[in-house]
Amino acid sequence: MKKLIFILFLCIGLNTFAQTGNQVKDIFLKIKQDSKIDKNDRTVYDLLDEFYNKNLQAEKDEMTPETVQRIEKTASNPDTKNLHILLLFLMYQQHISRTSMAGKAPDTGFQIEALNLLENETQEIYGKVPAIIYVYKSEAFDGAGKKQEAKAAVDQGLKEYPDSVPLKVYSYLNTKDEVLRNDLVKNHPNHWMVQQFGIK
C-alpha cells in the first residue's frame, strides 16, 4: 500500500485485535452493537467510494491529506452512523498494510471473512456493495488459491461497475479476453494496474 495509506492507519490508532478468520465476525458484531445504524446516512459509503476512486480507479495514487483527515475524523467520531462498516474496512486495510510491511502473506481466512461481512452489511444498509469490496474479494480469493471464487467476485463486480478498471484488469488476467485487453490498452494505458501487469 502507499505510504499515505500506511500513515493513515498508524494515525487512526485502531486497537489491533488478533485478526483471524474465526475472530473477525465476533469483533465485528461487538463493534456493530455500539454503532448507530442509519440506512439514509451515506457518509461511510461515500468514503469507501472515495477511497476506491482515489486509490484503485485513478491512474495514479491521488489520495490527498484532506481525504486521509476526513477518514480519520469520521472513524474517530463515535457519533458517525454505520461506523462499524468503516472500522472493519480500516481493520482490513491495517491487516494488509502490516503484513505487507513485514513481508508476510496476509491471513486469507481473515480477508475473506472480513470482506463477506462488509459485502453483506453494505448490501443490507445501503442496498449496494461498493466497488472496492469486489476488488478486494477477488484479491483475497486469489490469494487463497480459490480461482473460481475470485472470478465470480470479479464477474459480479463488473455487472455492477462495468467501468471499473481494476475489475477489468482482473477479468482480463483471468480470461485473456482480447476485447478487454484492447479496452484497457486504448482507454487506460496509464492506469497503474495496467502498467503493473504489463498489459499491452
Protein backbone atom coordinates (compact mmCIF):
# COMPACT_ATOMS: atom_id res chain seq x y z
CA MET A 1 0.00 0.00 0.00
CA LYS A 2 1.01 3.56 -0.49
CA LYS A 3 2.85 5.47 2.26
CA LEU A 4 -0.06 7.83 2.83
CA ILE A 5 -2.41 4.93 3.46
CA PHE A 6 0.02 3.38 5.91
CA ILE A 7 0.30 6.69 7.79
CA LEU A 8 -3.50 6.85 7.96
CA PHE A 9 -3.71 3.53 9.75
CA LEU A 10 -0.97 4.46 12.17
CA CYS A 11 -2.78 7.73 12.93
CA ILE A 12 -6.15 6.15 13.48
CA GLY A 13 -4.66 4.01 16.20
CA LEU A 14 -7.28 1.31 15.96
CA ASN A 15 -6.81 -1.32 18.60
CA THR A 16 -5.49 -4.24 16.60
CA PHE A 17 -7.11 -7.44 17.69
CA ALA A 18 -5.70 -10.83 16.92
CA GLN A 19 -7.15 -10.93 13.46
CA THR A 20 -8.08 -14.34 12.17
CA GLY A 21 -10.99 -15.56 10.12
CA ASN A 22 -12.55 -17.08 13.23
CA GLN A 23 -12.31 -13.92 15.33
CA VAL A 24 -13.27 -11.21 12.88
CA LYS A 25 -17.01 -11.94 12.98
CA ASP A 26 -17.10 -11.72 16.79
CA ILE A 27 -15.12 -8.49 16.73
CA PHE A 28 -17.38 -7.04 14.05
CA LEU A 29 -20.56 -7.93 15.95
CA LYS A 30 -19.21 -6.24 19.09
CA ILE A 31 -18.38 -3.10 17.11
CA LYS A 32 -21.78 -3.20 15.42
CA GLN A 33 -23.60 -3.30 18.78
CA ASP A 34 -22.21 0.14 19.60
CA SER A 35 -22.73 1.58 16.13
CA LYS A 36 -25.65 3.82 15.18
CA ILE A 37 -27.17 2.27 12.07
CA ASP A 38 -28.87 4.60 9.61
CA LYS A 39 -29.77 3.45 6.10
CA ASN A 40 -30.17 7.07 4.97
CA ASP A 41 -26.69 8.21 6.06
CA ARG A 42 -24.23 7.62 3.22
CA THR A 43 -21.15 9.16 4.85
CA VAL A 44 -19.30 5.85 5.25
CA TYR A 45 -20.39 4.56 1.84
CA ASP A 46 -19.15 7.77 0.21
CA LEU A 47 -15.79 7.44 2.00
CA LEU A 48 -15.37 3.88 0.71
CA ASP A 49 -16.18 5.15 -2.79
CA GLU A 50 -13.70 8.00 -2.46
CA PHE A 51 -11.03 5.60 -1.20
CA TYR A 52 -11.67 3.37 -4.23
CA ASN A 53 -11.73 6.22 -6.73
CA LYS A 54 -8.53 7.80 -5.46
CA ASN A 55 -6.52 4.61 -4.89
CA LEU A 56 -7.75 1.99 -7.32
CA GLN A 57 -9.72 3.61 -10.12
CA ALA A 58 -7.46 6.63 -10.63
CA GLU A 59 -4.46 6.34 -12.95
CA LYS A 60 -2.10 7.34 -10.14
CA ASP A 61 -2.45 7.47 -6.38
CA GLU A 62 -4.49 10.59 -5.73
CA MET A 63 -5.12 10.11 -2.02
CA THR A 64 -4.86 13.59 -0.52
CA PRO A 65 -4.14 14.62 3.06
CA GLU A 66 -7.69 16.05 3.14
CA THR A 67 -9.17 12.63 2.35
CA VAL A 68 -6.98 10.99 4.97
CA GLN A 69 -8.08 13.56 7.55
CA ARG A 70 -11.73 13.07 6.61
CA ILE A 71 -11.44 9.30 7.05
CA GLU A 72 -9.59 9.73 10.34
CA LYS A 73 -12.15 12.25 11.62
CA THR A 74 -15.09 10.06 10.61
CA ALA A 75 -13.56 6.93 12.12
CA SER A 76 -12.74 8.63 15.41
CA ASN A 77 -16.19 10.19 15.86
CA PRO A 78 -18.38 7.85 17.95
CA ASP A 79 -21.49 9.58 16.55
CA THR A 80 -20.69 8.52 12.98
CA LYS A 81 -23.56 6.49 11.57
CA ASN A 82 -22.68 2.99 10.32
CA LEU A 83 -19.26 3.32 11.92
CA HIS A 84 -18.93 -0.46 12.21
CA ILE A 85 -18.53 -0.71 8.43
CA LEU A 86 -15.75 1.87 8.31
CA LEU A 87 -13.94 0.35 11.30
CA LEU A 88 -13.99 -3.14 9.80
CA PHE A 89 -12.76 -1.73 6.49
CA LEU A 90 -9.90 0.05 8.29
CA MET A 91 -9.05 -3.10 10.27
CA TYR A 92 -8.84 -4.91 6.93
CA GLN A 93 -6.59 -2.21 5.48
CA GLN A 94 -4.42 -2.25 8.57
CA HIS A 95 -4.01 -6.03 8.37
CA ILE A 96 -2.97 -5.82 4.71
CA SER A 97 -0.58 -2.92 5.38
CA ARG A 98 1.07 -4.55 8.37
CA THR A 99 1.58 -7.93 6.74
CA SER A 100 2.92 -6.24 3.60
CA MET A 101 5.34 -4.09 5.60
CA ALA A 102 6.54 -7.20 7.46
CA GLY A 103 6.99 -9.08 4.19
CA LYS A 104 4.38 -11.66 5.18
CA ALA A 105 1.34 -13.03 3.39
CA PRO A 106 -1.99 -11.81 4.77
CA ASP A 107 -4.32 -14.20 6.56
CA THR A 108 -6.70 -15.11 3.74
CA GLY A 109 -9.22 -16.52 6.23
CA PHE A 110 -9.39 -13.09 7.87
CA GLN A 111 -9.57 -11.35 4.49
CA ILE A 112 -12.41 -13.47 3.15
CA GLU A 113 -14.46 -13.33 6.35
CA ALA A 114 -14.00 -9.56 6.69
CA LEU A 115 -14.98 -8.96 3.08
CA ASN A 116 -18.02 -11.23 3.30
CA LEU A 117 -19.13 -9.24 6.35
CA LEU A 118 -18.52 -5.94 4.55
CA GLU A 119 -20.37 -7.13 1.46
CA ASN A 120 -23.39 -8.33 3.44
CA GLU A 121 -23.51 -5.27 5.68
CA THR A 122 -23.18 -2.69 2.91
CA GLN A 123 -25.81 -4.53 0.86
CA GLU A 124 -28.17 -4.62 3.84
CA ILE A 125 -27.72 -0.98 4.84
CA TYR A 126 -27.13 0.77 1.53
CA GLY A 127 -28.71 -1.65 -0.92
CA LYS A 128 -25.44 -1.69 -2.86
CA VAL A 129 -21.93 -3.06 -2.43
CA PRO A 130 -19.05 -0.61 -3.03
CA ALA A 131 -16.74 -1.47 -5.93
CA ILE A 132 -13.74 -1.71 -3.62
CA ILE A 133 -15.28 -4.72 -1.85
CA TYR A 134 -15.44 -6.68 -5.12
CA VAL A 135 -11.84 -5.78 -5.96
CA TYR A 136 -10.60 -6.83 -2.52
CA LYS A 137 -12.71 -10.00 -2.53
CA SER A 138 -11.19 -11.10 -5.80
CA GLU A 139 -7.69 -10.45 -4.41
CA ALA A 140 -8.46 -12.35 -1.19
CA PHE A 141 -9.88 -15.38 -3.00
CA ASP A 142 -6.98 -15.33 -5.45
CA GLY A 143 -4.50 -15.21 -2.57
CA ALA A 144 -6.25 -18.22 -1.02
CA GLY A 145 -5.96 -20.13 -4.30
CA LYS A 146 -9.73 -20.02 -4.84
CA LYS A 147 -9.67 -19.04 -8.50
CA GLN A 148 -13.35 -19.70 -9.24
CA GLU A 149 -14.48 -17.58 -6.29
CA ALA A 150 -12.06 -14.82 -7.36
CA LYS A 151 -13.50 -14.90 -10.87
CA ALA A 152 -17.07 -14.85 -9.51
CA ALA A 153 -16.26 -11.74 -7.40
CA VAL A 154 -14.83 -10.01 -10.49
CA ASP A 155 -17.80 -11.00 -12.66
CA GLN A 156 -20.33 -9.79 -10.08
CA GLY A 157 -18.42 -6.56 -9.59
CA LEU A 158 -18.32 -5.88 -13.33
CA LYS A 159 -22.10 -6.35 -13.53
CA GLU A 160 -22.50 -3.50 -11.05
CA TYR A 161 -19.43 -1.46 -12.05
CA PRO A 162 -18.74 -2.08 -15.75
CA ASP A 163 -16.29 0.85 -15.87
CA SER A 164 -14.10 -0.41 -13.01
CA VAL A 165 -10.53 -0.53 -14.30
CA PRO A 166 -9.24 -2.84 -11.52
CA LEU A 167 -12.05 -5.32 -12.17
CA LYS A 168 -11.42 -5.16 -15.92
CA VAL A 169 -7.73 -5.85 -15.28
CA TYR A 170 -8.50 -8.88 -13.11
CA SER A 171 -11.07 -10.12 -15.62
CA TYR A 172 -8.52 -9.81 -18.43
CA LEU A 173 -5.88 -11.65 -16.38
CA ASN A 174 -8.41 -14.46 -15.79
CA THR A 175 -9.73 -14.71 -19.34
CA LYS A 176 -7.15 -13.13 -21.69
CA ASP A 177 -10.18 -11.63 -23.46
CA GLU A 178 -8.90 -9.53 -26.39
CA VAL A 179 -11.82 -7.09 -26.19
CA LEU A 180 -10.89 -6.31 -22.57
CA ARG A 181 -7.20 -6.03 -23.44
CA ASN A 182 -7.97 -3.61 -26.26
CA ASP A 183 -10.20 -1.54 -23.97
CA LEU A 184 -7.52 -1.35 -21.27
CA VAL A 185 -4.71 -0.53 -23.71
CA LYS A 186 -6.76 2.03 -25.63
CA ASN A 187 -8.65 3.72 -22.80
CA HIS A 188 -6.49 3.16 -19.70
CA PRO A 189 -2.85 2.74 -20.82
CA ASN A 190 -1.52 4.89 -17.96
CA HIS A 191 -3.52 3.22 -15.20
CA TRP A 192 -1.12 1.89 -12.57
CA MET A 193 -2.59 -1.63 -12.66
CA VAL A 194 -2.42 -1.83 -16.46
CA GLN A 195 1.24 -0.86 -16.21
CA GLN A 196 1.95 -3.08 -13.20
CA PHE A 197 0.66 -6.17 -15.00
CA GLY A 198 2.32 -5.20 -18.29
CA ILE A 199 -0.89 -5.22 -20.31
CA LYS A 200 -0.01 -4.09 -23.84
